[in-house]
Amino acid sequence: MRIDKWLSAVNVVKRRTVAQDMVKSGVVYLNGTKAKPAKEVKIGDTITIEYLKGAKQYEVLAIPKTKTIPKSKKEEYVQEVGSEK
């Protein structure tokens, strides 16, 4: 699954257009390298997002089969592994 789709599907970002803008702006990293919107996400990958207040790291636990998942199921797909200020 594309990184921009994954970010919106697992509720890390509210909308896919926001996820696309973040990736294009260069604030999203996949396994330590800047990601492009079409970059494929695999189980076990680490995604880092550099927000203005600091960076957050997420680990990919699963790839959703549907366009979106319920917020109650978020922890099955993504785990926040760290944040930096």
C-alpha atoms as a PDB file:
ATOM      1  CA  MET A   1       0.000   0.000   0.000  1.00  0.00           C
ATOM      2  CA  ARG A   2       1.204   3.529  -0.796  1.00  0.00           C
ATOM      3  CA  ILE A   3       2.496   5.513   2.165  1.00  0.00           C
ATOM      4  CA  ASP A   4      -0.019   8.342   1.690  1.00  0.00           C
ATOM      5  CA  LYS A   5      -2.928   5.858   1.595  1.00  0.00           C
ATOM      6  CA  TRP A   6      -1.587   3.995   4.639  1.00  0.00           C
ATOM      7  CA  LEU A   7      -1.253   7.170   6.732  1.00  0.00           C
ATOM      8  CA  SER A   8      -4.903   8.084   6.145  1.00  0.00           C
ATOM      9  CA  ALA A   9      -6.256   4.497   6.295  1.00  0.00           C
ATOM     10  CA  VAL A  10      -4.856   3.830   9.781  1.00  0.00           C
ATOM     11  CA  ASN A  11      -5.911   7.253  11.106  1.00  0.00           C
ATOM     12  CA  VAL A  12      -2.439   8.736  11.607  1.00  0.00           C
ATOM     13  CA  VAL A  13      -3.551  11.632   9.374  1.00  0.00           C
ATOM     14  CA  LYS A  14      -7.205  12.652   8.956  1.00  0.00           C
ATOM     15  CA  ARG A  15      -7.314  12.941   5.152  1.00  0.00           C
ATOM     16  CA  ARG A  16      -5.300  11.484   2.296  1.00  0.00           C
ATOM     17  CA  THR A  17      -4.747  14.892   0.724  1.00  0.00           C
ATOM     18  CA  VAL A  18      -3.122  16.032   3.964  1.00  0.00           C
ATOM     19  CA  ALA A  19      -0.937  12.907   3.922  1.00  0.00           C
ATOM     20  CA  GLN A  20       0.063  13.608   0.297  1.00  0.00           C
ATOM     21  CA  ASP A  21       0.985  17.198   1.156  1.00  0.00           C
ATOM     22  CA  MET A  22       3.069  16.058   4.134  1.00  0.00           C
ATOM     23  CA  VAL A  23       4.971  13.547   2.004  1.00  0.00           C
ATOM     24  CA  LYS A  24       5.552  16.096  -0.789  1.00  0.00           C
ATOM     25  CA  SER A  25       6.765  18.645   1.786  1.00  0.00           C
ATOM     26  CA  GLY A  26       9.477  16.224   2.902  1.00  0.00           C
ATOM     27  CA  VAL A  27       8.407  15.738   6.518  1.00  0.00           C
ATOM     28  CA  VAL A  28       7.650  12.000   6.189  1.00  0.00           C
ATOM     29  CA  TYR A  29      10.486   9.467   6.349  1.00  0.00           C
ATOM     30  CA  LEU A  30      10.279   5.737   5.665  1.00  0.00           C
ATOM     31  CA  ASN A  31      13.053   3.756   7.386  1.00  0.00           C
ATOM     32  CA  GLY A  32      15.175   6.895   7.709  1.00  0.00           C
ATOM     33  CA  THR A  33      14.908   8.164   4.120  1.00  0.00           C
ATOM     34  CA  LYS A  34      12.533  10.813   2.753  1.00  0.00           C
ATOM     35  CA  ALA A  35       9.445   9.149   1.362  1.00  0.00           C
ATOM     36  CA  LYS A  36       7.687   9.818  -1.927  1.00  0.00           C
ATOM     37  CA  PRO A  37       3.843   9.540  -2.116  1.00  0.00           C
ATOM     38  CA  ALA A  38       3.938   6.302  -4.139  1.00  0.00           C
ATOM     39  CA  LYS A  39       6.456   4.555  -1.835  1.00  0.00           C
ATOM     40  CA  GLU A  40       5.166   1.152  -0.722  1.00  0.00           C
ATOM     41  CA  VAL A  41       4.778   0.429   2.994  1.00  0.00           C
ATOM     42  CA  LYS A  42       5.526  -3.062   4.342  1.00  0.00           C
ATOM     43  CA  ILE A  43       4.988  -4.684   7.737  1.00  0.00           C
ATOM     44  CA  GLY A  44       7.872  -3.822  10.053  1.00  0.00           C
ATOM     45  CA  ASP A  45       8.687  -0.475   8.390  1.00  0.00           C
ATOM     46  CA  THR A  46       9.315   2.587  10.550  1.00  0.00           C
ATOM     47  CA  ILE A  47       7.644   5.849   9.553  1.00  0.00           C
ATOM     48  CA  THR A  48       8.824   9.146  11.038  1.00  0.00           C
ATOM     49  CA  ILE A  49       6.794  12.338  10.728  1.00  0.00           C
ATOM     50  CA  GLU A  50       8.464  15.632  11.613  1.00  0.00           C
ATOM     51  CA  TYR A  51       5.825  17.909  13.114  1.00  0.00           C
ATOM     52  CA  LEU A  52       6.563  21.493  14.179  1.00  0.00           C
ATOM     53  CA  LYS A  53       6.521  20.437  17.858  1.00  0.00           C
ATOM     54  CA  GLY A  54       8.790  17.427  17.261  1.00  0.00           C
ATOM     55  CA  ALA A  55       9.024  14.136  15.421  1.00  0.00           C
ATOM     56  CA  LYS A  56       6.886  11.044  15.957  1.00  0.00           C
ATOM     57  CA  GLN A  57       7.844   7.515  14.937  1.00  0.00           C
ATOM     58  CA  TYR A  58       5.396   4.793  14.021  1.00  0.00           C
ATOM     59  CA  GLU A  59       5.910   1.093  13.333  1.00  0.00           C
ATOM     60  CA  VAL A  60       3.783  -0.622  10.679  1.00  0.00           C
ATOM     61  CA  LEU A  61       2.129  -3.674  12.259  1.00  0.00           C
ATOM     62  CA  ALA A  62      -0.324  -4.551   9.465  1.00  0.00           C
ATOM     63  CA  ILE A  63      -1.593  -3.346   6.110  1.00  0.00           C
ATOM     64  CA  PRO A  64      -5.363  -2.677   6.026  1.00  0.00           C
ATOM     65  CA  LYS A  65      -7.425  -4.383   3.347  1.00  0.00           C
ATOM     66  CA  THR A  66     -10.024  -1.596   3.285  1.00  0.00           C
ATOM     67  CA  LYS A  67      -9.858   2.134   2.577  1.00  0.00           C
ATOM     68  CA  THR A  68     -10.228   3.046   6.258  1.00  0.00           C
ATOM     69  CA  ILE A  69     -10.314   1.221   9.568  1.00  0.00           C
ATOM     70  CA  PRO A  70     -12.292   2.012  12.727  1.00  0.00           C
ATOM     71  CA  LYS A  71     -10.348   4.163  15.193  1.00  0.00           C
ATOM     72  CA  SER A  72     -10.827   1.427  17.798  1.00  0.00           C
ATOM     73  CA  LYS A  73      -8.715  -0.946  15.639  1.00  0.00           C
ATOM     74  CA  LYS A  74      -5.821   1.514  15.108  1.00  0.00           C
ATOM     75  CA  GLU A  75      -3.461  -0.287  17.519  1.00  0.00           C
ATOM     76  CA  GLU A  76      -3.673  -3.445  15.366  1.00  0.00           C
ATOM     77  CA  TYR A  77      -2.137  -1.588  12.397  1.00  0.00           C
ATOM     78  CA  VAL A  78       0.231   1.005  13.871  1.00  0.00           C
ATOM     79  CA  GLN A  79       2.278   1.454  17.027  1.00  0.00           C
ATOM     80  CA  GLU A  80       3.840   4.720  18.117  1.00  0.00           C
ATOM     81  CA  VAL A  81       7.424   3.827  19.011  1.00  0.00           C
ATOM     82  CA  GLY A  82       8.801   7.194  19.972  1.00  0.00           C
ATOM     83  CA  SER A  83       8.651  10.925  19.807  1.00  0.00           C
ATOM     84  CA  GLU A  84      11.317  13.608  19.896  1.00  0.00           C
ATOM     85  CA  LYS A  85      11.057  17.246  20.870  1.00  0.00           C
END
